[in-house]
Amino acid sequence: MASETKRTAVEKAVDEFLRTLRQRNASLHTIKAYAGDLDVFSAYIGPRQWKNIDHVTIRGYLSHLYEKGLSKVSVARALAAVRSLYRWLAQEGLVEQNPAALVSTPRLPKKLPRVPTVEEMNLMLDGKMPEVAAFPERDRLMFELLYGCGIRNSELIGINLDDIRLSAEAVLVRGKGKKERYVPFGDAVRSSLSAYLPARQQMLATRKKASNALLINQRGGRLTTRSVGRIVKKIAVAKGLSPDVHPHTLRHAFGTHMLEEGADLRAIQEMLGHERLSTTQRYTQLSMRHVLQVYDQTHPRAK
């Protein structure tokens, strides 16, 4: 690794920027993505000083990424990382302007995720778990929490036993940036908890282990996000859903179905833990697609 004296101005600034993100408790996924993108940016810029980097330079950097075969989504993410770096540089007084702000973000196709219908979700959750479910009581609870509470995969695996407030019918969830929120749950989650907790206790006793994690694997350890993704996909396919179903699909279904049933957008924002209402408003697009589909299928003047 190069010594500190040989590191460029850009490399030093990137290191300091990433250190600041860690101090601010930014998500590990964000830090990892920024680190990768800004490492490529540093290599492209080389020994140039900040005053010699303008919007033309940054456009050249994006062209370089396209030449390497990166998609528009990846290039847009790389540009967002550079913009964030420049915002931090401005706050620190290291630059006076942000040339990345003068570079247009690549136009991305507006692809909305395909959300299972209410009927498909009921079919998924009603009846027994399929034979592929290695721990049926746990797997049912997993689905009920993802769909019934709209939580993220990372939030799901972070739930501890003492985060469940049975009397209040709510669960304490730790979201992005370690922000905490309470999310309500209904009878389906309560029923799944009643079936799972004794099975969980029995498994831990058999393994002679103790754990505060709500969802455990068959060795008694805390489930990982990767394991949750694998289990969700396997069970969804066994129940006749599309193989592209993953934990976030169930979160999308939660938001979309709540909206379709008349829930207030700000209430959905609170439950999903979105910082901005504009993020939640994506669900109005998903819901509108459903509305248009119903209109086309049922209105006599639509045919």
C-alpha atoms as a PDB file:
ATOM      1  CA  MET A   1       0.000   0.000   0.000  1.00  0.00           C
ATOM      2  CA  ALA A   2       1.270   3.490  -0.869  1.00  0.00           C
ATOM      3  CA  SER A   3       2.652   5.588   1.996  1.00  0.00           C
ATOM      4  CA  GLU A   4       0.706   8.663   3.169  1.00  0.00           C
ATOM      5  CA  THR A   5       3.190  11.050   1.431  1.00  0.00           C
ATOM      6  CA  LYS A   6       2.567   9.375  -1.930  1.00  0.00           C
ATOM      7  CA  ARG A   7      -1.222   9.512  -1.684  1.00  0.00           C
ATOM      8  CA  THR A   8      -2.934  12.015  -3.930  1.00  0.00           C
ATOM      9  CA  ALA A   9      -5.108  14.914  -2.744  1.00  0.00           C
ATOM     10  CA  VAL A  10      -8.206  13.080  -3.983  1.00  0.00           C
ATOM     11  CA  GLU A  11      -7.293   9.799  -2.240  1.00  0.00           C
ATOM     12  CA  LYS A  12      -6.691  11.594   1.064  1.00  0.00           C
ATOM     13  CA  ALA A  13     -10.008  13.453   0.801  1.00  0.00           C
ATOM     14  CA  VAL A  14     -11.897  10.237  -0.027  1.00  0.00           C
ATOM     15  CA  ASP A  15     -10.426   8.512   3.059  1.00  0.00           C
ATOM     16  CA  GLU A  16     -11.494  11.421   5.261  1.00  0.00           C
ATOM     17  CA  PHE A  17     -14.964  11.548   3.670  1.00  0.00           C
ATOM     18  CA  LEU A  18     -15.536   7.815   4.305  1.00  0.00           C
ATOM     19  CA  ARG A  19     -14.328   8.237   7.898  1.00  0.00           C
ATOM     20  CA  THR A  20     -16.912  11.010   8.352  1.00  0.00           C
ATOM     21  CA  LEU A  21     -19.667   8.749   6.974  1.00  0.00           C
ATOM     22  CA  ARG A  22     -18.743   6.046   9.500  1.00  0.00           C
ATOM     23  CA  GLN A  23     -18.856   8.590  12.338  1.00  0.00           C
ATOM     24  CA  ARG A  24     -22.336   9.641  11.179  1.00  0.00           C
ATOM     25  CA  ASN A  25     -23.510   5.998  11.355  1.00  0.00           C
ATOM     26  CA  ALA A  26     -24.202   5.824   7.614  1.00  0.00           C
ATOM     27  CA  SER A  27     -25.351   2.396   6.448  1.00  0.00           C
ATOM     28  CA  LEU A  28     -22.584  -0.146   5.770  1.00  0.00           C
ATOM     29  CA  HIS A  29     -24.020  -0.718   2.283  1.00  0.00           C
ATOM     30  CA  THR A  30     -23.756   3.033   1.501  1.00  0.00           C
ATOM     31  CA  ILE A  31     -20.175   3.248   2.773  1.00  0.00           C
ATOM     32  CA  LYS A  32     -19.142   0.141   0.817  1.00  0.00           C
ATOM     33  CA  ALA A  33     -20.746   1.459  -2.396  1.00  0.00           C
ATOM     34  CA  TYR A  34     -19.159   4.925  -1.994  1.00  0.00           C
ATOM     35  CA  ALA A  35     -15.758   3.382  -1.217  1.00  0.00           C
ATOM     36  CA  GLY A  36     -15.829   1.309  -4.418  1.00  0.00           C
ATOM     37  CA  ASP A  37     -17.058   4.135  -6.668  1.00  0.00           C
ATOM     38  CA  LEU A  38     -14.696   6.759  -5.220  1.00  0.00           C
ATOM     39  CA  ASP A  39     -11.727   4.392  -5.468  1.00  0.00           C
ATOM     40  CA  VAL A  40     -12.326   4.218  -9.245  1.00  0.00           C
ATOM     41  CA  PHE A  41     -12.782   8.021  -9.346  1.00  0.00           C
ATOM     42  CA  SER A  42      -9.482   8.559  -7.474  1.00  0.00           C
ATOM     43  CA  ALA A  43      -7.634   6.270  -9.887  1.00  0.00           C
ATOM     44  CA  TYR A  44      -9.102   8.128 -12.899  1.00  0.00           C
ATOM     45  CA  ILE A  45      -8.251  11.605 -11.515  1.00  0.00           C
ATOM     46  CA  GLY A  46      -4.712  10.636 -10.492  1.00  0.00           C
ATOM     47  CA  PRO A  47      -2.460  13.370  -9.081  1.00  0.00           C
ATOM     48  CA  ARG A  48      -4.653  16.292 -10.233  1.00  0.00           C
ATOM     49  CA  GLN A  49      -5.525  18.960  -7.671  1.00  0.00           C
ATOM     50  CA  TRP A  50      -9.148  19.953  -6.969  1.00  0.00           C
ATOM     51  CA  LYS A  51      -8.773  23.282  -8.812  1.00  0.00           C
ATOM     52  CA  ASN A  52      -7.882  21.361 -12.005  1.00  0.00           C
ATOM     53  CA  ILE A  53     -11.004  19.162 -11.909  1.00  0.00           C
ATOM     54  CA  ASP A  54     -13.988  20.680 -13.734  1.00  0.00           C
ATOM     55  CA  HIS A  55     -17.303  19.400 -15.119  1.00  0.00           C
ATOM     56  CA  VAL A  56     -15.562  18.375 -18.379  1.00  0.00           C
ATOM     57  CA  THR A  57     -13.212  16.155 -16.341  1.00  0.00           C
ATOM     58  CA  ILE A  58     -16.155  14.523 -14.603  1.00  0.00           C
ATOM     59  CA  ARG A  59     -17.970  13.961 -17.903  1.00  0.00           C
ATOM     60  CA  GLY A  60     -14.779  12.284 -19.105  1.00  0.00           C
ATOM     61  CA  TYR A  61     -14.871  10.087 -16.000  1.00  0.00           C
ATOM     62  CA  LEU A  62     -18.444   8.994 -16.808  1.00  0.00           C
ATOM     63  CA  SER A  63     -17.431   8.227 -20.409  1.00  0.00           C
ATOM     64  CA  HIS A  64     -14.571   6.153 -19.004  1.00  0.00           C
ATOM     65  CA  LEU A  65     -17.104   4.150 -16.935  1.00  0.00           C
ATOM     66  CA  TYR A  66     -19.313   3.538 -19.995  1.00  0.00           C
ATOM     67  CA  GLU A  67     -16.229   2.330 -21.915  1.00  0.00           C
ATOM     68  CA  LYS A  68     -15.588  -0.154 -19.113  1.00  0.00           C
ATOM     69  CA  GLY A  69     -19.069  -1.578 -19.757  1.00  0.00           C
ATOM     70  CA  LEU A  70     -20.900  -0.147 -16.735  1.00  0.00           C
ATOM     71  CA  SER A  71     -24.690   0.220 -16.960  1.00  0.00           C
ATOM     72  CA  LYS A  72     -26.544   3.540 -16.712  1.00  0.00           C
ATOM     73  CA  VAL A  73     -27.641   2.617 -13.187  1.00  0.00           C
ATOM     74  CA  SER A  74     -24.021   2.021 -12.098  1.00  0.00           C
ATOM     75  CA  VAL A  75     -22.814   5.249 -13.769  1.00  0.00           C
ATOM     76  CA  ALA A  76     -25.624   7.224 -12.087  1.00  0.00           C
ATOM     77  CA  ARG A  77     -24.595   5.766  -8.725  1.00  0.00           C
ATOM     78  CA  ALA A  78     -20.930   6.661  -9.382  1.00  0.00           C
ATOM     79  CA  LEU A  79     -21.923  10.266 -10.183  1.00  0.00           C
ATOM     80  CA  ALA A  80     -24.036  10.451  -7.003  1.00  0.00           C
ATOM     81  CA  ALA A  81     -20.974   9.340  -4.986  1.00  0.00           C
ATOM     82  CA  VAL A  82     -18.826  12.087  -6.547  1.00  0.00           C
ATOM     83  CA  ARG A  83     -21.532  14.700  -5.856  1.00  0.00           C
ATOM     84  CA  SER A  84     -21.726  13.612  -2.206  1.00  0.00           C
ATOM     85  CA  LEU A  85     -17.940  13.827  -1.947  1.00  0.00           C
ATOM     86  CA  TYR A  86     -18.020  17.388  -3.338  1.00  0.00           C
ATOM     87  CA  ARG A  87     -20.781  18.440  -0.934  1.00  0.00           C
ATOM     88  CA  TRP A  88     -18.568  17.298   1.928  1.00  0.00           C
ATOM     89  CA  LEU A  89     -15.521  19.077   0.418  1.00  0.00           C
ATOM     90  CA  ALA A  90     -17.543  22.311   0.261  1.00  0.00           C
ATOM     91  CA  GLN A  91     -18.586  21.938   3.921  1.00  0.00           C
ATOM     92  CA  GLU A  92     -14.928  21.469   4.851  1.00  0.00           C
ATOM     93  CA  GLY A  93     -13.948  24.544   2.826  1.00  0.00           C
ATOM     94  CA  LEU A  94     -11.704  22.539   0.464  1.00  0.00           C
ATOM     95  CA  VAL A  95     -13.545  23.564  -2.726  1.00  0.00           C
ATOM     96  CA  GLU A  96     -15.706  26.559  -3.670  1.00  0.00           C
ATOM     97  CA  GLN A  97     -17.957  24.892  -6.236  1.00  0.00           C
ATOM     98  CA  ASN A  98     -19.266  21.480  -7.198  1.00  0.00           C
ATOM     99  CA  PRO A  99     -18.485  20.681 -10.852  1.00  0.00           C
ATOM    100  CA  ALA A 100     -20.358  17.361 -10.508  1.00  0.00           C
ATOM    101  CA  ALA A 101     -23.575  19.363 -10.068  1.00  0.00           C
ATOM    102  CA  LEU A 102     -23.167  20.611 -13.671  1.00  0.00           C
ATOM    103  CA  VAL A 103     -23.124  17.050 -15.036  1.00  0.00           C
ATOM    104  CA  SER A 104     -26.509  15.535 -15.888  1.00  0.00           C
ATOM    105  CA  THR A 105     -27.475  12.222 -14.319  1.00  0.00           C
ATOM    106  CA  PRO A 106     -27.912   9.460 -16.955  1.00  0.00           C
ATOM    107  CA  ARG A 107     -31.597   9.023 -17.823  1.00  0.00           C
ATOM    108  CA  LEU A 108     -32.741   5.760 -16.287  1.00  0.00           C
ATOM    109  CA  PRO A 109     -35.693   3.663 -17.442  1.00  0.00           C
ATOM    110  CA  LYS A 110     -38.516   3.961 -14.905  1.00  0.00           C
ATOM    111  CA  LYS A 111     -38.950   0.344 -13.954  1.00  0.00           C
ATOM    112  CA  LEU A 112     -41.429  -0.313 -11.189  1.00  0.00           C
ATOM    113  CA  PRO A 113     -41.110  -3.582  -9.289  1.00  0.00           C
ATOM    114  CA  ARG A 114     -43.784  -6.170  -9.976  1.00  0.00           C
ATOM    115  CA  VAL A 115     -45.819  -6.455  -6.792  1.00  0.00           C
ATOM    116  CA  PRO A 116     -47.808  -9.604  -5.917  1.00  0.00           C
ATOM    117  CA  THR A 117     -51.554  -9.029  -5.611  1.00  0.00           C
ATOM    118  CA  VAL A 118     -53.431  -9.290  -2.305  1.00  0.00           C
ATOM    119  CA  GLU A 119     -54.822 -12.636  -3.528  1.00  0.00           C
ATOM    120  CA  GLU A 120     -51.328 -13.940  -4.301  1.00  0.00           C
ATOM    121  CA  MET A 121     -50.077 -12.889  -0.864  1.00  0.00           C
ATOM    122  CA  ASN A 122     -53.046 -14.561   0.864  1.00  0.00           C
ATOM    123  CA  LEU A 123     -52.382 -17.726  -1.133  1.00  0.00           C
ATOM    124  CA  MET A 124     -48.741 -17.490  -0.093  1.00  0.00           C
ATOM    125  CA  LEU A 125     -49.538 -17.136   3.623  1.00  0.00           C
ATOM    126  CA  ASP A 126     -52.687 -19.213   4.038  1.00  0.00           C
ATOM    127  CA  GLY A 127     -52.368 -22.929   4.713  1.00  0.00           C
ATOM    128  CA  LYS A 128     -49.237 -24.825   5.687  1.00  0.00           C
ATOM    129  CA  MET A 129     -45.696 -23.839   4.814  1.00  0.00           C
ATOM    130  CA  PRO A 130     -44.415 -26.009   1.910  1.00  0.00           C
ATOM    131  CA  GLU A 131     -42.124 -28.992   2.484  1.00  0.00           C
ATOM    132  CA  VAL A 132     -39.072 -26.962   1.421  1.00  0.00           C
ATOM    133  CA  ALA A 133     -39.451 -24.885   4.629  1.00  0.00           C
ATOM    134  CA  ALA A 134     -36.694 -26.190   6.913  1.00  0.00           C
ATOM    135  CA  PHE A 135     -38.133 -24.455  10.008  1.00  0.00           C
ATOM    136  CA  PRO A 136     -41.835 -23.848   9.178  1.00  0.00           C
ATOM    137  CA  GLU A 137     -42.780 -21.858  12.308  1.00  0.00           C
ATOM    138  CA  ARG A 138     -39.847 -19.471  11.852  1.00  0.00           C
ATOM    139  CA  ASP A 139     -40.361 -19.143   8.104  1.00  0.00           C
ATOM    140  CA  ARG A 140     -44.036 -18.263   8.474  1.00  0.00           C
ATOM    141  CA  LEU A 141     -43.171 -15.582  11.046  1.00  0.00           C
ATOM    142  CA  MET A 142     -40.507 -14.249   8.687  1.00  0.00           C
ATOM    143  CA  PHE A 143     -43.068 -13.809   5.878  1.00  0.00           C
ATOM    144  CA  GLU A 144     -45.669 -12.331   8.245  1.00  0.00           C
ATOM    145  CA  LEU A 145     -43.183  -9.742   9.540  1.00  0.00           C
ATOM    146  CA  LEU A 146     -41.859  -8.782   6.088  1.00  0.00           C
ATOM    147  CA  TYR A 147     -45.346  -8.406   4.596  1.00  0.00           C
ATOM    148  CA  GLY A 148     -47.325  -7.571   7.747  1.00  0.00           C
ATOM    149  CA  CYS A 149     -44.930  -4.847   8.959  1.00  0.00           C
ATOM    150  CA  GLY A 150     -43.218  -3.799   5.706  1.00  0.00           C
ATOM    151  CA  ILE A 151     -39.760  -3.987   7.257  1.00  0.00           C
ATOM    152  CA  ARG A 152     -36.443  -4.312   5.434  1.00  0.00           C
ATOM    153  CA  ASN A 153     -34.461  -7.553   5.388  1.00  0.00           C
ATOM    154  CA  SER A 154     -31.684  -5.949   7.469  1.00  0.00           C
ATOM    155  CA  GLU A 155     -34.270  -4.717   9.986  1.00  0.00           C
ATOM    156  CA  LEU A 156     -35.844  -8.172  10.211  1.00  0.00           C
ATOM    157  CA  ILE A 157     -32.652  -9.979  11.194  1.00  0.00           C
ATOM    158  CA  GLY A 158     -31.817  -7.244  13.720  1.00  0.00           C
ATOM    159  CA  ILE A 159     -34.976  -7.826  15.785  1.00  0.00           C
ATOM    160  CA  ASN A 160     -34.297  -9.153  19.282  1.00  0.00           C
ATOM    161  CA  LEU A 161     -36.735 -10.982  21.556  1.00  0.00           C
ATOM    162  CA  ASP A 162     -37.146  -7.936  23.813  1.00  0.00           C
ATOM    163  CA  ASP A 163     -38.023  -5.736  20.808  1.00  0.00           C
ATOM    164  CA  ILE A 164     -41.413  -7.455  20.588  1.00  0.00           C
ATOM    165  CA  ARG A 165     -44.088  -5.555  22.531  1.00  0.00           C
ATOM    166  CA  LEU A 166     -46.908  -8.091  22.635  1.00  0.00           C
ATOM    167  CA  SER A 167     -49.267  -5.986  24.769  1.00  0.00           C
ATOM    168  CA  ALA A 168     -48.894  -3.003  22.419  1.00  0.00           C
ATOM    169  CA  GLU A 169     -48.877  -5.231  19.295  1.00  0.00           C
ATOM    170  CA  ALA A 170     -45.784  -3.438  18.014  1.00  0.00           C
ATOM    171  CA  VAL A 171     -42.165  -4.260  17.257  1.00  0.00           C
ATOM    172  CA  LEU A 172     -39.140  -2.004  17.752  1.00  0.00           C
ATOM    173  CA  VAL A 173     -37.208  -1.792  14.482  1.00  0.00           C
ATOM    174  CA  ARG A 174     -33.733  -0.341  13.877  1.00  0.00           C
ATOM    175  CA  GLY A 175     -33.644   1.229  10.432  1.00  0.00           C
ATOM    176  CA  LYS A 176     -31.073   3.050   8.326  1.00  0.00           C
ATOM    177  CA  GLY A 177     -28.617   5.179  10.272  1.00  0.00           C
ATOM    178  CA  LYS A 178     -29.618   3.240  13.430  1.00  0.00           C
ATOM    179  CA  LYS A 179     -32.898   5.170  13.602  1.00  0.00           C
ATOM    180  CA  GLU A 180     -35.469   3.375  15.718  1.00  0.00           C
ATOM    181  CA  ARG A 181     -39.215   3.194  15.131  1.00  0.00           C
ATOM    182  CA  TYR A 182     -42.149   1.154  16.362  1.00  0.00           C
ATOM    183  CA  VAL A 183     -44.131  -0.736  13.734  1.00  0.00           C
ATOM    184  CA  PRO A 184     -47.574  -2.174  14.580  1.00  0.00           C
ATOM    185  CA  PHE A 185     -48.454  -5.789  13.836  1.00  0.00           C
ATOM    186  CA  GLY A 186     -51.748  -7.645  13.632  1.00  0.00           C
ATOM    187  CA  ASP A 187     -53.283 -10.998  14.534  1.00  0.00           C
ATOM    188  CA  ALA A 188     -51.360 -12.905  11.842  1.00  0.00           C
ATOM    189  CA  VAL A 189     -47.972 -11.891  13.325  1.00  0.00           C
ATOM    190  CA  ARG A 190     -49.205 -12.525  16.896  1.00  0.00           C
ATOM    191  CA  SER A 191     -50.412 -16.013  15.920  1.00  0.00           C
ATOM    192  CA  SER A 192     -47.113 -16.796  14.155  1.00  0.00           C
ATOM    193  CA  LEU A 193     -45.153 -15.626  17.206  1.00  0.00           C
ATOM    194  CA  SER A 194     -47.214 -17.936  19.461  1.00  0.00           C
ATOM    195  CA  ALA A 195     -46.353 -20.916  17.245  1.00  0.00           C
ATOM    196  CA  TYR A 196     -42.686 -19.972  16.735  1.00  0.00           C
ATOM    197  CA  LEU A 197     -41.443 -18.976  20.207  1.00  0.00           C
ATOM    198  CA  PRO A 198     -41.865 -22.448  21.810  1.00  0.00           C
ATOM    199  CA  ALA A 199     -40.237 -24.075  18.736  1.00  0.00           C
ATOM    200  CA  ARG A 200     -37.379 -21.574  18.968  1.00  0.00           C
ATOM    201  CA  GLN A 201     -36.874 -22.309  22.675  1.00  0.00           C
ATOM    202  CA  GLN A 202     -36.847 -26.043  22.024  1.00  0.00           C
ATOM    203  CA  MET A 203     -34.249 -25.685  19.251  1.00  0.00           C
ATOM    204  CA  LEU A 204     -31.966 -23.561  21.456  1.00  0.00           C
ATOM    205  CA  ALA A 205     -32.311 -26.075  24.307  1.00  0.00           C
ATOM    206  CA  THR A 206     -31.419 -28.939  21.944  1.00  0.00           C
ATOM    207  CA  ARG A 207     -28.358 -27.021  20.707  1.00  0.00           C
ATOM    208  CA  LYS A 208     -27.515 -25.934  24.281  1.00  0.00           C
ATOM    209  CA  LYS A 209     -27.310 -22.346  23.154  1.00  0.00           C
ATOM    210  CA  ALA A 210     -28.713 -18.971  24.209  1.00  0.00           C
ATOM    211  CA  SER A 211     -29.599 -16.122  21.864  1.00  0.00           C
ATOM    212  CA  ASN A 212     -31.367 -12.774  22.050  1.00  0.00           C
ATOM    213  CA  ALA A 213     -32.065 -12.839  18.288  1.00  0.00           C
ATOM    214  CA  LEU A 214     -35.713 -13.335  17.414  1.00  0.00           C
ATOM    215  CA  LEU A 215     -35.032 -15.258  14.210  1.00  0.00           C
ATOM    216  CA  ILE A 216     -32.422 -17.988  14.536  1.00  0.00           C
ATOM    217  CA  ASN A 217     -30.920 -20.529  12.161  1.00  0.00           C
ATOM    218  CA  GLN A 218     -30.857 -24.264  12.861  1.00  0.00           C
ATOM    219  CA  ARG A 219     -27.506 -23.954  14.634  1.00  0.00           C
ATOM    220  CA  GLY A 220     -28.979 -21.424  17.066  1.00  0.00           C
ATOM    221  CA  GLY A 221     -27.259 -18.364  15.573  1.00  0.00           C
ATOM    222  CA  ARG A 222     -28.849 -15.181  14.216  1.00  0.00           C
ATOM    223  CA  LEU A 223     -30.180 -15.411  10.652  1.00  0.00           C
ATOM    224  CA  THR A 224     -28.322 -13.439   7.964  1.00  0.00           C
ATOM    225  CA  THR A 225     -29.883 -11.302   5.197  1.00  0.00           C
ATOM    226  CA  ARG A 226     -28.550 -13.774   2.640  1.00  0.00           C
ATOM    227  CA  SER A 227     -30.285 -16.682   4.376  1.00  0.00           C
ATOM    228  CA  VAL A 228     -33.568 -14.734   4.544  1.00  0.00           C
ATOM    229  CA  GLY A 229     -33.368 -13.990   0.809  1.00  0.00           C
ATOM    230  CA  ARG A 230     -32.735 -17.638  -0.005  1.00  0.00           C
ATOM    231  CA  ILE A 231     -35.591 -18.876   2.216  1.00  0.00           C
ATOM    232  CA  VAL A 232     -38.083 -16.300   0.880  1.00  0.00           C
ATOM    233  CA  LYS A 233     -37.319 -17.193  -2.731  1.00  0.00           C
ATOM    234  CA  LYS A 234     -37.496 -20.951  -2.141  1.00  0.00           C
ATOM    235  CA  ILE A 235     -40.848 -20.802  -0.316  1.00  0.00           C
ATOM    236  CA  ALA A 236     -42.371 -18.240  -2.705  1.00  0.00           C
ATOM    237  CA  VAL A 237     -41.557 -20.446  -5.709  1.00  0.00           C
ATOM    238  CA  ALA A 238     -42.954 -23.523  -3.910  1.00  0.00           C
ATOM    239  CA  LYS A 239     -46.170 -21.575  -3.322  1.00  0.00           C
ATOM    240  CA  GLY A 240     -46.465 -20.663  -7.005  1.00  0.00           C
ATOM    241  CA  LEU A 241     -45.117 -17.097  -6.936  1.00  0.00           C
ATOM    242  CA  SER A 242     -42.571 -15.680  -9.380  1.00  0.00           C
ATOM    243  CA  PRO A 243     -38.915 -16.675  -8.806  1.00  0.00           C
ATOM    244  CA  ASP A 244     -37.972 -12.973  -8.736  1.00  0.00           C
ATOM    245  CA  VAL A 245     -39.685 -12.564  -5.338  1.00  0.00           C
ATOM    246  CA  HIS A 246     -37.244 -11.410  -2.635  1.00  0.00           C
ATOM    247  CA  PRO A 247     -37.675  -9.847   0.840  1.00  0.00           C
ATOM    248  CA  HIS A 248     -37.987  -6.311  -0.561  1.00  0.00           C
ATOM    249  CA  THR A 249     -40.858  -7.493  -2.801  1.00  0.00           C
ATOM    250  CA  LEU A 250     -42.882  -8.139   0.364  1.00  0.00           C
ATOM    251  CA  ARG A 251     -42.065  -4.626   1.620  1.00  0.00           C
ATOM    252  CA  HIS A 252     -43.306  -3.205  -1.698  1.00  0.00           C
ATOM    253  CA  ALA A 253     -46.447  -5.321  -1.395  1.00  0.00           C
ATOM    254  CA  PHE A 254     -47.058  -3.967   2.125  1.00  0.00           C
ATOM    255  CA  GLY A 255     -46.867  -0.327   0.961  1.00  0.00           C
ATOM    256  CA  THR A 256     -48.890  -0.876  -2.206  1.00  0.00           C
ATOM    257  CA  HIS A 257     -51.680  -2.888  -0.577  1.00  0.00           C
ATOM    258  CA  MET A 258     -51.981  -0.446   2.347  1.00  0.00           C
ATOM    259  CA  LEU A 259     -52.351   2.418  -0.114  1.00  0.00           C
ATOM    260  CA  GLU A 260     -54.893   0.526  -2.215  1.00  0.00           C
ATOM    261  CA  GLU A 261     -56.963  -0.048   0.922  1.00  0.00           C
ATOM    262  CA  GLY A 262     -57.019   3.690   1.665  1.00  0.00           C
ATOM    263  CA  ALA A 263     -54.138   4.137   4.145  1.00  0.00           C
ATOM    264  CA  ASP A 264     -52.753   7.653   4.555  1.00  0.00           C
ATOM    265  CA  LEU A 265     -49.454   8.180   2.712  1.00  0.00           C
ATOM    266  CA  ARG A 266     -47.770   9.752   5.753  1.00  0.00           C
ATOM    267  CA  ALA A 267     -48.790   6.821   7.959  1.00  0.00           C
ATOM    268  CA  ILE A 268     -47.217   4.456   5.398  1.00  0.00           C
ATOM    269  CA  GLN A 269     -44.095   6.655   5.349  1.00  0.00           C
ATOM    270  CA  GLU A 270     -43.834   6.344   9.146  1.00  0.00           C
ATOM    271  CA  MET A 271     -44.278   2.560   9.122  1.00  0.00           C
ATOM    272  CA  LEU A 272     -41.778   2.016   6.294  1.00  0.00           C
ATOM    273  CA  GLY A 273     -39.241   4.326   7.947  1.00  0.00           C
ATOM    274  CA  HIS A 274     -38.790   6.521   4.862  1.00  0.00           C
ATOM    275  CA  GLU A 275     -36.983   9.784   5.571  1.00  0.00           C
ATOM    276  CA  ARG A 276     -38.647  11.538   2.622  1.00  0.00           C
ATOM    277  CA  LEU A 277     -42.285  11.392   1.577  1.00  0.00           C
ATOM    278  CA  SER A 278     -41.135  11.353  -2.076  1.00  0.00           C
ATOM    279  CA  THR A 279     -39.749   7.840  -1.502  1.00  0.00           C
ATOM    280  CA  THR A 280     -43.128   6.661  -0.215  1.00  0.00           C
ATOM    281  CA  GLN A 281     -44.869   8.312  -3.177  1.00  0.00           C
ATOM    282  CA  ARG A 282     -43.399   5.626  -5.438  1.00  0.00           C
ATOM    283  CA  TYR A 283     -46.151   3.409  -4.046  1.00  0.00           C
ATOM    284  CA  THR A 284     -48.753   5.708  -5.585  1.00  0.00           C
ATOM    285  CA  GLN A 285     -47.214   4.790  -8.957  1.00  0.00           C
ATOM    286  CA  LEU A 286     -47.445   1.096  -8.143  1.00  0.00           C
ATOM    287  CA  SER A 287     -51.023   1.530  -6.950  1.00  0.00           C
ATOM    288  CA  MET A 288     -51.974   3.604 -10.008  1.00  0.00           C
ATOM    289  CA  ARG A 289     -50.743   0.822 -12.274  1.00  0.00           C
ATOM    290  CA  HIS A 290     -53.143  -1.525 -10.507  1.00  0.00           C
ATOM    291  CA  VAL A 291     -55.982   1.018 -10.782  1.00  0.00           C
ATOM    292  CA  LEU A 292     -55.400   1.418 -14.534  1.00  0.00           C
ATOM    293  CA  GLN A 293     -55.353  -2.349 -14.953  1.00  0.00           C
ATOM    294  CA  VAL A 294     -58.687  -2.679 -13.141  1.00  0.00           C
ATOM    295  CA  TYR A 295     -60.128   0.182 -15.223  1.00  0.00           C
ATOM    296  CA  ASP A 296     -59.033  -1.417 -18.503  1.00  0.00           C
ATOM    297  CA  GLN A 297     -60.502  -4.760 -17.459  1.00  0.00           C
ATOM    298  CA  THR A 298     -63.806  -3.548 -16.072  1.00  0.00           C
ATOM    299  CA  HIS A 299     -64.968  -0.170 -17.442  1.00  0.00           C
ATOM    300  CA  PRO A 300     -67.353  -0.597 -20.381  1.00  0.00           C
ATOM    301  CA  ARG A 301     -65.833   2.406 -22.238  1.00  0.00           C
ATOM    302  CA  ALA A 302     -62.243   1.248 -21.755  1.00  0.00           C
ATOM    303  CA  LYS A 303     -62.559  -1.630 -24.222  1.00  0.00           C
END
